[in-house]
PDB file of N, CA and C in Angstrom:
ATOM      1  N   MET A   1     244.246  44.093  77.372  1.00  0.00           N
ATOM      2  CA  MET A   1     244.126  44.342  78.805  1.00  0.00           C
ATOM      3  C   MET A   1     245.515  44.326  79.425  1.00  0.00           C
ATOM      4  N   VAL A   2     245.701  45.077  80.464  1.00  0.00           N
ATOM      5  CA  VAL A   2     246.961  45.145  81.188  1.00  0.00           C
ATOM      6  C   VAL A   2     247.186  43.824  81.917  1.00  0.00           C
ATOM      7  N   GLU A   3     248.446  43.360  81.931  1.00  0.00           N
ATOM      8  CA  GLU A   3     248.742  42.140  82.679  1.00  0.00           C
ATOM      9  C   GLU A   3     248.522  42.388  84.154  1.00  0.00           C
ATOM     10  N   LYS A   4     248.055  41.363  84.866  1.00  0.00           N
ATOM     11  CA  LYS A   4     247.709  41.522  86.271  1.00  0.00           C
ATOM     12  C   LYS A   4     248.889  41.983  87.115  1.00  0.00           C
ATOM     13  N   ARG A   5     250.109  41.551  86.783  1.00  0.00           N
ATOM     14  CA  ARG A   5     251.245  41.943  87.616  1.00  0.00           C
ATOM     15  C   ARG A   5     251.540  43.432  87.505  1.00  0.00           C
ATOM     16  N   GLU A   6     251.036  44.085  86.484  1.00  0.00           N
ATOM     17  CA  GLU A   6     251.235  45.516  86.297  1.00  0.00           C
ATOM     18  C   GLU A   6     250.070  46.336  86.855  1.00  0.00           C
ATOM     19  N   MET A   7     249.038  45.667  87.294  1.00  0.00           N
ATOM     20  CA  MET A   7     247.839  46.369  87.742  1.00  0.00           C
ATOM     21  C   MET A   7     248.039  47.003  89.114  1.00  0.00           C
ATOM     22  N   THR A   8     247.262  48.048  89.342  1.00  0.00           N
ATOM     23  CA  THR A   8     247.236  48.675  90.661  1.00  0.00           C
ATOM     24  C   THR A   8     246.560  47.714  91.641  1.00  0.00           C
ATOM     25  N   PRO A   9     246.735  47.930  92.942  1.00  0.00           N
ATOM     26  CA  PRO A   9     246.034  47.071  93.901  1.00  0.00           C
ATOM     27  C   PRO A   9     244.514  47.083  93.699  1.00  0.00           C
ATOM     28  N   LEU A  10     243.956  48.246  93.405  1.00  0.00           N
ATOM     29  CA  LEU A  10     242.515  48.312  93.162  1.00  0.00           C
ATOM     30  C   LEU A  10     242.145  47.499  91.927  1.00  0.00           C
ATOM     31  N   ALA A  11     242.907  47.623  90.868  1.00  0.00           N
ATOM     32  CA  ALA A  11     242.604  46.898  89.630  1.00  0.00           C
ATOM     33  C   ALA A  11     242.666  45.389  89.850  1.00  0.00           C
ATOM     34  N   LYS A  12     243.659  44.923  90.585  1.00  0.00           N
ATOM     35  CA  LYS A  12     243.750  43.484  90.872  1.00  0.00           C
ATOM     36  C   LYS A  12     242.530  43.020  91.644  1.00  0.00           C
ATOM     37  N   TRP A  13     242.127  43.802  92.633  1.00  0.00           N
ATOM     38  CA  TRP A  13     240.962  43.444  93.438  1.00  0.00           C
ATOM     39  C   TRP A  13     239.696  43.453  92.585  1.00  0.00           C
ATOM     40  N   LEU A  14     239.517  44.496  91.779  1.00  0.00           N
ATOM     41  CA  LEU A  14     238.339  44.578  90.916  1.00  0.00           C
ATOM     42  C   LEU A  14     238.281  43.397  89.953  1.00  0.00           C
ATOM     43  N   TRP A  15     239.413  43.053  89.378  1.00  0.00           N
ATOM     44  CA  TRP A  15     239.475  41.945  88.426  1.00  0.00           C
ATOM     45  C   TRP A  15     238.984  40.652  89.082  1.00  0.00           C
ATOM     46  N   ARG A  16     239.475  40.385  90.307  1.00  0.00           N
ATOM     47  CA  ARG A  16     239.040  39.179  91.031  1.00  0.00           C
ATOM     48  C   ARG A  16     237.545  39.220  91.328  1.00  0.00           C
ATOM     49  N   GLU A  17     237.050  40.397  91.731  1.00  0.00           N
ATOM     50  CA  GLU A  17     235.627  40.513  92.045  1.00  0.00           C
ATOM     51  C   GLU A  17     234.765  40.306  90.801  1.00  0.00           C
ATOM     52  N   LEU A  18     235.186  40.861  89.682  1.00  0.00           N
ATOM     53  CA  LEU A  18     234.419  40.675  88.451  1.00  0.00           C
ATOM     54  C   LEU A  18     234.411  39.204  88.035  1.00  0.00           C
ATOM     55  N   GLU A  19     235.545  38.552  88.152  1.00  0.00           N
ATOM     56  CA  GLU A  19     235.616  37.129  87.816  1.00  0.00           C
ATOM     57  C   GLU A  19     234.729  36.320  88.758  1.00  0.00           C
ATOM     58  N   ARG A  20     234.792  36.636  90.045  1.00  0.00           N
ATOM     59  CA  ARG A  20     234.002  35.907  91.045  1.00  0.00           C
ATOM     60  C   ARG A  20     232.505  36.052  90.766  1.00  0.00           C
ATOM     61  N   ARG A  21     232.100  37.252  90.388  1.00  0.00           N
ATOM     62  CA  ARG A  21     230.678  37.516  90.134  1.00  0.00           C
ATOM     63  C   ARG A  21     230.255  37.153  88.713  1.00  0.00           C
ATOM     64  N   ARG A  22     231.233  36.832  87.890  1.00  0.00           N
ATOM     65  CA  ARG A  22     230.960  36.557  86.469  1.00  0.00           C
ATOM     66  C   ARG A  22     230.207  37.735  85.851  1.00  0.00           C
ATOM     67  N   GLU A  23     230.808  38.899  86.033  1.00  0.00           N
ATOM     68  CA  GLU A  23     230.172  40.151  85.641  1.00  0.00           C
ATOM     69  C   GLU A  23     231.159  40.960  84.795  1.00  0.00           C
ATOM     70  N   SER A  24     230.653  41.677  83.838  1.00  0.00           N
ATOM     71  CA  SER A  24     231.526  42.538  83.036  1.00  0.00           C
ATOM     72  C   SER A  24     231.784  43.848  83.780  1.00  0.00           C
ATOM     73  N   ALA A  25     232.832  44.528  83.370  1.00  0.00           N
ATOM     74  CA  ALA A  25     233.142  45.825  83.969  1.00  0.00           C
ATOM     75  C   ALA A  25     231.996  46.803  83.719  1.00  0.00           C
ATOM     76  N   ARG A  26     231.430  46.751  82.555  1.00  0.00           N
ATOM     77  CA  ARG A  26     230.299  47.638  82.223  1.00  0.00           C
ATOM     78  C   ARG A  26     229.100  47.357  83.128  1.00  0.00           C
ATOM     79  N   GLU A  27     228.747  46.079  83.287  1.00  0.00           N
ATOM     80  CA  GLU A  27     227.608  45.718  84.136  1.00  0.00           C
ATOM     81  C   GLU A  27     227.823  46.202  85.566  1.00  0.00           C
ATOM     82  N   ALA A  28     229.016  45.966  86.089  1.00  0.00           N
ATOM     83  CA  ALA A  28     229.305  46.360  87.465  1.00  0.00           C
ATOM     84  C   ALA A  28     229.300  47.878  87.607  1.00  0.00           C
ATOM     85  N   SER A  29     229.849  48.574  86.631  1.00  0.00           N
ATOM     86  CA  SER A  29     229.872  50.038  86.677  1.00  0.00           C
ATOM     87  C   SER A  29     228.462  50.598  86.778  1.00  0.00           C
ATOM     88  N   LEU A  30     227.590  50.130  85.897  1.00  0.00           N
ATOM     89  CA  LEU A  30     226.216  50.626  85.882  1.00  0.00           C
ATOM     90  C   LEU A  30     225.472  50.240  87.158  1.00  0.00           C
ATOM     91  N   ALA A  31     225.676  49.009  87.628  1.00  0.00           N
ATOM     92  CA  ALA A  31     225.001  48.554  88.847  1.00  0.00           C
ATOM     93  C   ALA A  31     225.468  49.338  90.073  1.00  0.00           C
ATOM     94  N   ALA A  32     226.714  49.804  90.040  1.00  0.00           N
ATOM     95  CA  ALA A  32     227.258  50.584  91.160  1.00  0.00           C
ATOM     96  C   ALA A  32     226.860  52.054  91.082  1.00  0.00           C
ATOM     97  N   GLY A  33     226.202  52.448  90.000  1.00  0.00           N
ATOM     98  CA  GLY A  33     225.792  53.839  89.842  1.00  0.00           C
ATOM     99  C   GLY A  33     226.876  54.721  89.259  1.00  0.00           C
ATOM    100  N   LEU A  34     227.791  54.097  88.516  1.00  0.00           N
ATOM    101  CA  LEU A  34     228.900  54.834  87.899  1.00  0.00           C
ATOM    102  C   LEU A  34     228.702  54.900  86.389  1.00  0.00           C
ATOM    103  N   ASN A  35     229.517  55.697  85.724  1.00  0.00           N
ATOM    104  CA  ASN A  35     229.559  55.752  84.273  1.00  0.00           C
ATOM    105  C   ASN A  35     229.862  54.357  83.739  1.00  0.00           C
ATOM    106  N   HIS A  36     229.306  54.007  82.589  1.00  0.00           N
ATOM    107  CA  HIS A  36     229.449  52.651  82.049  1.00  0.00           C
ATOM    108  C   HIS A  36     230.895  52.200  81.865  1.00  0.00           C
ATOM    109  N   ALA A  37     231.822  53.121  81.702  1.00  0.00           N
ATOM    110  CA  ALA A  37     233.219  52.749  81.471  1.00  0.00           C
ATOM    111  C   ALA A  37     234.100  52.947  82.708  1.00  0.00           C
ATOM    112  N   ALA A  38     233.511  53.293  83.842  1.00  0.00           N
ATOM    113  CA  ALA A  38     234.311  53.625  85.029  1.00  0.00           C
ATOM    114  C   ALA A  38     235.226  52.487  85.460  1.00  0.00           C
ATOM    115  N   ILE A  39     234.675  51.307  85.644  1.00  0.00           N
ATOM    116  CA  ILE A  39     235.503  50.205  86.139  1.00  0.00           C
ATOM    117  C   ILE A  39     236.568  49.818  85.124  1.00  0.00           C
ATOM    118  N   THR A  40     236.271  49.918  83.854  1.00  0.00           N
ATOM    119  CA  THR A  40     237.303  49.663  82.841  1.00  0.00           C
ATOM    120  C   THR A  40     238.463  50.634  83.028  1.00  0.00           C
ATOM    121  N   ARG A  41     238.156  51.890  83.299  1.00  0.00           N
ATOM    122  CA  ARG A  41     239.226  52.871  83.531  1.00  0.00           C
ATOM    123  C   ARG A  41     240.027  52.527  84.782  1.00  0.00           C
ATOM    124  N   TYR A  42     239.349  52.055  85.834  1.00  0.00           N
ATOM    125  CA  TYR A  42     240.054  51.688  87.064  1.00  0.00           C
ATOM    126  C   TYR A  42     240.929  50.455  86.836  1.00  0.00           C
ATOM    127  N   LEU A  43     240.466  49.535  85.991  1.00  0.00           N
ATOM    128  CA  LEU A  43     241.276  48.363  85.650  1.00  0.00           C
ATOM    129  C   LEU A  43     242.532  48.765  84.879  1.00  0.00           C
ATOM    130  N   MET A  44     242.448  49.854  84.150  1.00  0.00           N
ATOM    131  CA  MET A  44     243.591  50.352  83.375  1.00  0.00           C
ATOM    132  C   MET A  44     244.496  51.264  84.196  1.00  0.00           C
ATOM    133  N   GLY A  45     244.147  51.502  85.452  1.00  0.00           N
ATOM    134  CA  GLY A  45     245.035  52.252  86.323  1.00  0.00           C
ATOM    135  C   GLY A  45     244.542  53.605  86.773  1.00  0.00           C
ATOM    136  N   GLN A  46     243.419  54.084  86.237  1.00  0.00           N
ATOM    137  CA  GLN A  46     242.901  55.378  86.676  1.00  0.00           C
ATOM    138  C   GLN A  46     242.401  55.262  88.112  1.00  0.00           C
ATOM    139  N   ARG A  47     242.660  56.272  88.889  1.00  0.00           N
ATOM    140  CA  ARG A  47     242.221  56.306  90.288  1.00  0.00           C
ATOM    141  C   ARG A  47     240.801  56.864  90.351  1.00  0.00           C
ATOM    142  N   PRO A  48     239.889  56.155  91.034  1.00  0.00           N
ATOM    143  CA  PRO A  48     238.521  56.680  91.155  1.00  0.00           C
ATOM    144  C   PRO A  48     238.474  57.876  92.083  1.00  0.00           C
ATOM    145  N   THR A  49     237.450  58.695  91.904  1.00  0.00           N
ATOM    146  CA  THR A  49     237.231  59.798  92.838  1.00  0.00           C
ATOM    147  C   THR A  49     236.782  59.212  94.171  1.00  0.00           C
ATOM    148  N   GLU A  50     236.859  60.007  95.226  1.00  0.00           N
ATOM    149  CA  GLU A  50     236.419  59.516  96.535  1.00  0.00           C
ATOM    150  C   GLU A  50     234.935  59.127  96.544  1.00  0.00           C
ATOM    151  N   PRO A  51     234.038  59.918  95.920  1.00  0.00           N
ATOM    152  CA  PRO A  51     232.642  59.477  95.885  1.00  0.00           C
ATOM    153  C   PRO A  51     232.458  58.147  95.132  1.00  0.00           C
ATOM    154  N   SER A  52     233.262  57.930  94.105  1.00  0.00           N
ATOM    155  CA  SER A  52     233.190  56.667  93.366  1.00  0.00           C
ATOM    156  C   SER A  52     233.660  55.500  94.216  1.00  0.00           C
ATOM    157  N   VAL A  53     234.637  55.739  95.067  1.00  0.00           N
ATOM    158  CA  VAL A  53     235.102  54.695  95.984  1.00  0.00           C
ATOM    159  C   VAL A  53     233.942  54.255  96.874  1.00  0.00           C
ATOM    160  N   GLY A  54     233.167  55.218  97.352  1.00  0.00           N
ATOM    161  CA  GLY A  54     232.006  54.891  98.177  1.00  0.00           C
ATOM    162  C   GLY A  54     230.985  54.047  97.429  1.00  0.00           C
ATOM    163  N   LYS A  55     230.744  54.374  96.172  1.00  0.00           N
ATOM    164  CA  LYS A  55     229.789  53.606  95.372  1.00  0.00           C
ATOM    165  C   LYS A  55     230.298  52.189  95.126  1.00  0.00           C
ATOM    166  N   LEU A  56     231.595  52.058  94.857  1.00  0.00           N
ATOM    167  CA  LEU A  56     232.178  50.727  94.658  1.00  0.00           C
ATOM    168  C   LEU A  56     232.066  49.890  95.929  1.00  0.00           C
ATOM    169  N   ALA A  57     232.372  50.501  97.061  1.00  0.00           N
ATOM    170  CA  ALA A  57     232.302  49.783  98.340  1.00  0.00           C
ATOM    171  C   ALA A  57     230.880  49.298  98.613  1.00  0.00           C
ATOM    172  N   ALA A  58     229.905  50.161  98.369  1.00  0.00           N
ATOM    173  CA  ALA A  58     228.514  49.775  98.599  1.00  0.00           C
ATOM    174  C   ALA A  58     228.103  48.643  97.660  1.00  0.00           C
ATOM    175  N   TYR A  59     228.463  48.756  96.402  1.00  0.00           N
ATOM    176  CA  TYR A  59     228.059  47.741  95.436  1.00  0.00           C
ATOM    177  C   TYR A  59     228.720  46.391  95.717  1.00  0.00           C
ATOM    178  N   PHE A  60     230.015  46.406  95.993  1.00  0.00           N
ATOM    179  CA  PHE A  60     230.741  45.154  96.212  1.00  0.00           C
ATOM    180  C   PHE A  60     230.662  44.676  97.661  1.00  0.00           C
ATOM    181  N   GLU A  61     229.956  45.430  98.505  1.00  0.00           N
ATOM    182  CA  GLU A  61     229.728  45.058  99.896  1.00  0.00           C
ATOM    183  C   GLU A  61     231.029  44.828 100.670  1.00  0.00           C
ATOM    184  N   VAL A  62     231.891  45.819 100.585  1.00  0.00           N
ATOM    185  CA  VAL A  62     233.134  45.808 101.354  1.00  0.00           C
ATOM    186  C   VAL A  62     233.241  47.135 102.101  1.00  0.00           C
ATOM    187  N   PRO A  63     234.001  47.170 103.188  1.00  0.00           N
ATOM    188  CA  PRO A  63     234.159  48.433 103.902  1.00  0.00           C
ATOM    189  C   PRO A  63     234.802  49.497 103.005  1.00  0.00           C
ATOM    190  N   GLU A  64     234.266  50.688 103.078  1.00  0.00           N
ATOM    191  CA  GLU A  64     234.797  51.784 102.271  1.00  0.00           C
ATOM    192  C   GLU A  64     236.264  52.045 102.601  1.00  0.00           C
ATOM    193  N   ASP A  65     236.641  51.917 103.869  1.00  0.00           N
ATOM    194  CA  ASP A  65     238.036  52.145 104.253  1.00  0.00           C
ATOM    195  C   ASP A  65     238.986  51.183 103.541  1.00  0.00           C
ATOM    196  N   TYR A  66     238.528  49.961 103.291  1.00  0.00           N
ATOM    197  CA  TYR A  66     239.362  48.995 102.580  1.00  0.00           C
ATOM    198  C   TYR A  66     239.682  49.507 101.177  1.00  0.00           C
ATOM    199  N   LEU A  67     238.670  49.987 100.470  1.00  0.00           N
ATOM    200  CA  LEU A  67     238.906  50.508  99.122  1.00  0.00           C
ATOM    201  C   LEU A  67     239.680  51.821  99.164  1.00  0.00           C
ATOM    202  N   ARG A  68     239.510  52.597 100.214  1.00  0.00           N
ATOM    203  CA  ARG A  68     240.309  53.818 100.352  1.00  0.00           C
ATOM    204  C   ARG A  68     241.787  53.464 100.482  1.00  0.00           C
ATOM    205  N   GLU A  69     242.080  52.351 101.148  1.00  0.00           N
ATOM    206  CA  GLU A  69     243.469  51.903 101.249  1.00  0.00           C
ATOM    207  C   GLU A  69     243.986  51.446  99.890  1.00  0.00           C
ATOM    208  N   LEU A  70     243.170  50.691  99.158  1.00  0.00           N
ATOM    209  CA  LEU A  70     243.601  50.208  97.848  1.00  0.00           C
ATOM    210  C   LEU A  70     243.847  51.351  96.864  1.00  0.00           C
ATOM    211  N   THR A  71     243.113  52.437  97.014  1.00  0.00           N
ATOM    212  CA  THR A  71     243.241  53.561  96.079  1.00  0.00           C
ATOM    213  C   THR A  71     244.227  54.616  96.550  1.00  0.00           C
ATOM    214  N   GLY A  72     244.734  54.462  97.771  1.00  0.00           N
ATOM    215  CA  GLY A  72     245.719  55.411  98.280  1.00  0.00           C
ATOM    216  C   GLY A  72     245.124  56.619  98.975  1.00  0.00           C
ATOM    217  N   TYR A  73     243.807  56.649  99.165  1.00  0.00           N
ATOM    218  CA  TYR A  73     243.204  57.757  99.893  1.00  0.00           C
ATOM    219  C   TYR A  73     243.428  57.626 101.397  1.00  0.00           C
ATOM    220  N   ARG A  74     243.783  56.436 101.821  1.00  0.00           N
ATOM    221  CA  ARG A  74     244.028  56.191 103.237  1.00  0.00           C
ATOM    222  C   ARG A  74     245.157  55.174 103.358  1.00  0.00           C
ATOM    223  N   LYS A  75     246.066  55.406 104.287  1.00  0.00           N
ATOM    224  CA  LYS A  75     247.137  54.453 104.531  1.00  0.00           C
ATOM    225  C   LYS A  75     246.624  53.349 105.452  1.00  0.00           C
ATOM    226  N   PRO A  76     247.022  52.103 105.182  1.00  0.00           N
ATOM    227  CA  PRO A  76     246.574  51.019 106.064  1.00  0.00           C
ATOM    228  C   PRO A  76     247.188  51.151 107.450  1.00  0.00           C
ATOM    229  N   SER A  77     246.411  50.792 108.445  1.00  0.00           N
ATOM    230  CA  SER A  77     246.919  50.838 109.816  1.00  0.00           C
ATOM    231  C   SER A  77     247.899  49.684 110.011  1.00  0.00           C
ATOM    232  N   PRO A  78     248.827  49.827 110.951  1.00  0.00           N
ATOM    233  CA  PRO A  78     249.748  48.716 111.226  1.00  0.00           C
ATOM    234  C   PRO A  78     249.006  47.434 111.609  1.00  0.00           C
ATOM    235  N   GLU A  79     247.884  47.586 112.313  1.00  0.00           N
ATOM    236  CA  GLU A  79     247.092  46.424 112.695  1.00  0.00           C
ATOM    237  C   GLU A  79     246.534  45.710 111.469  1.00  0.00           C
ATOM    238  N   HIS A  80     246.071  46.501 110.494  1.00  0.00           N
ATOM    239  CA  HIS A  80     245.517  45.921 109.276  1.00  0.00           C
ATOM    240  C   HIS A  80     246.602  45.190 108.492  1.00  0.00           C
ATOM    241  N   VAL A  81     247.770  45.778 108.402  1.00  0.00           N
ATOM    242  CA  VAL A  81     248.882  45.144 107.689  1.00  0.00           C
ATOM    243  C   VAL A  81     249.239  43.813 108.361  1.00  0.00           C
ATOM    244  N   GLN A  82     249.288  43.821 109.680  1.00  0.00           N
ATOM    245  CA  GLN A  82     249.616  42.608 110.421  1.00  0.00           C
ATOM    246  C   GLN A  82     248.544  41.538 110.211  1.00  0.00           C
ATOM    247  N   LEU A  83     247.282  41.921 110.314  1.00  0.00           N
ATOM    248  CA  LEU A  83     246.188  40.983 110.127  1.00  0.00           C
ATOM    249  C   LEU A  83     246.187  40.401 108.712  1.00  0.00           C
ATOM    250  N   ALA A  84     246.387  41.250 107.727  1.00  0.00           N
ATOM    251  CA  ALA A  84     246.413  40.789 106.337  1.00  0.00           C
ATOM    252  C   ALA A  84     247.546  39.781 106.129  1.00  0.00           C
ATOM    253  N   GLY A  85     248.686  40.048 106.724  1.00  0.00           N
ATOM    254  CA  GLY A  85     249.811  39.125 106.614  1.00  0.00           C
ATOM    255  C   GLY A  85     249.513  37.783 107.265  1.00  0.00           C
ATOM    256  N   GLN A  86     248.872  37.827 108.427  1.00  0.00           N
ATOM    257  CA  GLN A  86     248.515  36.590 109.121  1.00  0.00           C
ATOM    258  C   GLN A  86     247.502  35.783 108.314  1.00  0.00           C
ATOM    259  N   LEU A  87     246.511  36.463 107.756  1.00  0.00           N
ATOM    260  CA  LEU A  87     245.517  35.764 106.943  1.00  0.00           C
ATOM    261  C   LEU A  87     246.148  35.157 105.694  1.00  0.00           C
ATOM    262  N   ALA A  88     247.021  35.901 105.053  1.00  0.00           N
ATOM    263  CA  ALA A  88     247.689  35.394 103.857  1.00  0.00           C
ATOM    264  C   ALA A  88     248.492  34.142 104.188  1.00  0.00           C
ATOM    265  N   GLU A  89     249.155  34.160 105.310  1.00  0.00           N
ATOM    266  CA  GLU A  89     249.944  33.001 105.722  1.00  0.00           C
ATOM    267  C   GLU A  89     249.041  31.798 105.995  1.00  0.00           C
ATOM    268  N   LEU A  90     247.947  32.019 106.710  1.00  0.00           N
ATOM    269  CA  LEU A  90     247.026  30.931 107.022  1.00  0.00           C
ATOM    270  C   LEU A  90     246.359  30.343 105.780  1.00  0.00           C
ATOM    271  N   LEU A  91     246.132  31.173 104.789  1.00  0.00           N
ATOM    272  CA  LEU A  91     245.416  30.745 103.587  1.00  0.00           C
ATOM    273  C   LEU A  91     246.337  30.386 102.425  1.00  0.00           C
ATOM    274  N   GLU A  92     247.619  30.338 102.683  1.00  0.00           N
ATOM    275  CA  GLU A  92     248.599  30.139 101.610  1.00  0.00           C
ATOM    276  C   GLU A  92     248.281  28.946 100.715  1.00  0.00           C
ATOM    277  N   ASP A  93     247.930  27.818 101.289  1.00  0.00           N
ATOM    278  CA  ASP A  93     247.669  26.612 100.502  1.00  0.00           C
ATOM    279  C   ASP A  93     246.186  26.242 100.442  1.00  0.00           C
ATOM    280  N   ALA A  94     245.330  27.168 100.852  1.00  0.00           N
ATOM    281  CA  ALA A  94     243.896  26.872 100.877  1.00  0.00           C
ATOM    282  C   ALA A  94     243.334  26.823  99.460  1.00  0.00           C
ATOM    283  N   PRO A  95     242.417  25.891  99.226  1.00  0.00           N
ATOM    284  CA  PRO A  95     241.763  25.854  97.911  1.00  0.00           C
ATOM    285  C   PRO A  95     240.853  27.069  97.724  1.00  0.00           C
ATOM    286  N   ALA A  96     240.602  27.396  96.478  1.00  0.00           N
ATOM    287  CA  ALA A  96     239.819  28.587  96.134  1.00  0.00           C
ATOM    288  C   ALA A  96     238.438  28.575  96.781  1.00  0.00           C
ATOM    289  N   ASP A  97     237.804  27.407  96.886  1.00  0.00           N
ATOM    290  CA  ASP A  97     236.458  27.374  97.458  1.00  0.00           C
ATOM    291  C   ASP A  97     236.472  27.728  98.943  1.00  0.00           C
ATOM    292  N   GLU A  98     237.528  27.354  99.667  1.00  0.00           N
ATOM    293  CA  GLU A  98     237.625  27.724 101.076  1.00  0.00           C
ATOM    294  C   GLU A  98     237.858  29.224 101.237  1.00  0.00           C
ATOM    295  N   ILE A  99     238.669  29.793 100.380  1.00  0.00           N
ATOM    296  CA  ILE A  99     238.916  31.234 100.422  1.00  0.00           C
ATOM    297  C   ILE A  99     237.623  31.982 100.118  1.00  0.00           C
ATOM    298  N   GLU A 100     236.878  31.504  99.130  1.00  0.00           N
ATOM    299  CA  GLU A 100     235.604  32.137  98.778  1.00  0.00           C
ATOM    300  C   GLU A 100     234.623  32.048  99.941  1.00  0.00           C
ATOM    301  N   THR A 101     234.599  30.932 100.640  1.00  0.00           N
ATOM    302  CA  THR A 101     233.733  30.784 101.808  1.00  0.00           C
ATOM    303  C   THR A 101     234.095  31.794 102.886  1.00  0.00           C
ATOM    304  N   LEU A 102     235.379  31.992 103.099  1.00  0.00           N
ATOM    305  CA  LEU A 102     235.835  32.977 104.080  1.00  0.00           C
ATOM    306  C   LEU A 102     235.390  34.381 103.694  1.00  0.00           C
ATOM    307  N   PHE A 103     235.521  34.734 102.415  1.00  0.00           N
ATOM    308  CA  PHE A 103     235.086  36.052 101.959  1.00  0.00           C
ATOM    309  C   PHE A 103     233.569  36.203 102.089  1.00  0.00           C
ATOM    310  N   ASP A 104     232.830  35.144 101.786  1.00  0.00           N
ATOM    311  CA  ASP A 104     231.369  35.195 101.942  1.00  0.00           C
ATOM    312  C   ASP A 104     230.997  35.461 103.397  1.00  0.00           C
ATOM    313  N   LEU A 105     231.676  34.800 104.310  1.00  0.00           N
ATOM    314  CA  LEU A 105     231.427  35.011 105.740  1.00  0.00           C
ATOM    315  C   LEU A 105     231.735  36.453 106.135  1.00  0.00           C
ATOM    316  N   ALA A 106     232.867  36.966 105.681  1.00  0.00           N
ATOM    317  CA  ALA A 106     233.248  38.341 106.016  1.00  0.00           C
ATOM    318  C   ALA A 106     232.244  39.336 105.448  1.00  0.00           C
ATOM    319  N   ARG A 107     231.776  39.120 104.214  1.00  0.00           N
ATOM    320  CA  ARG A 107     230.772  40.015 103.623  1.00  0.00           C
ATOM    321  C   ARG A 107     229.471  39.970 104.419  1.00  0.00           C
ATOM    322  N   SER A 108     229.076  38.781 104.837  1.00  0.00           N
ATOM    323  CA  SER A 108     227.863  38.636 105.624  1.00  0.00           C
ATOM    324  C   SER A 108     227.978  39.396 106.944  1.00  0.00           C
ATOM    325  N   MET A 109     229.105  39.279 107.603  1.00  0.00           N
ATOM    326  CA  MET A 109     229.333  39.999 108.857  1.00  0.00           C
ATOM    327  C   MET A 109     229.299  41.509 108.619  1.00  0.00           C
ATOM    328  N   HIS A 110     229.891  41.954 107.516  1.00  0.00           N
ATOM    329  CA  HIS A 110     229.907  43.379 107.174  1.00  0.00           C
ATOM    330  C   HIS A 110     228.482  43.886 106.948  1.00  0.00           C
ATOM    331  N   ARG A 111     227.676  43.130 106.206  1.00  0.00           N
ATOM    332  CA  ARG A 111     226.286  43.531 105.955  1.00  0.00           C
ATOM    333  C   ARG A 111     225.508  43.618 107.262  1.00  0.00           C
ATOM    334  N   ARG A 112     225.706  42.652 108.141  1.00  0.00           N
ATOM    335  CA  ARG A 112     225.000  42.643 109.424  1.00  0.00           C
ATOM    336  C   ARG A 112     225.375  43.874 110.247  1.00  0.00           C
ATOM    337  N   ARG A 113     226.652  44.204 110.316  1.00  0.00           N
ATOM    338  CA  ARG A 113     227.083  45.393 111.067  1.00  0.00           C
ATOM    339  C   ARG A 113     226.499  46.659 110.450  1.00  0.00           C
ATOM    340  N   ALA A 114     226.456  46.712 109.129  1.00  0.00           N
ATOM    341  CA  ALA A 114     225.925  47.902 108.444  1.00  0.00           C
ATOM    342  C   ALA A 114     224.454  48.102 108.753  1.00  0.00           C
ATOM    343  N   THR A 115     223.698  47.036 108.867  1.00  0.00           N
ATOM    344  CA  THR A 115     222.266  47.177 109.153  1.00  0.00           C
ATOM    345  C   THR A 115     222.011  47.511 110.619  1.00  0.00           C
ATOM    346  N   GLN A 116     222.972  47.237 111.489  1.00  0.00           N
ATOM    347  CA  GLN A 116     222.821  47.535 112.904  1.00  0.00           C
ATOM    348  C   GLN A 116     223.156  48.991 113.246  1.00  0.00           C
ATOM    349  N   ARG A 117     223.731  49.707 112.301  1.00  0.00           N
ATOM    350  CA  ARG A 117     224.113  51.111 112.554  1.00  0.00           C
ATOM    351  C   ARG A 117     222.926  52.003 112.530  1.00  0.00           C
TER     352      ARG A 117
END
């Protein structure tokens, strides 16, 4: 496997999500409606197609625009860059369980907004 420091932003994110879910790349690929080896290819640096980005976003319950930024299909807004920097600073010394709680809250809010559309 490629060392994490050499991974693309998408690959680093996918790796963390797979570890968090205790799921294999194959399991996640199939559950997301992708080819069984898709996520393995993304972990190795291949860029997903735009429709695949949508499937990944739906499966992992994150905004599609976020994954579009990670894959280079969309440039992050200055506001997003600023917010991400502020969050990183606030969470610098936070334990993993607190960070996971924050992500759980954000996912819950995202799901609620999606159902209200």
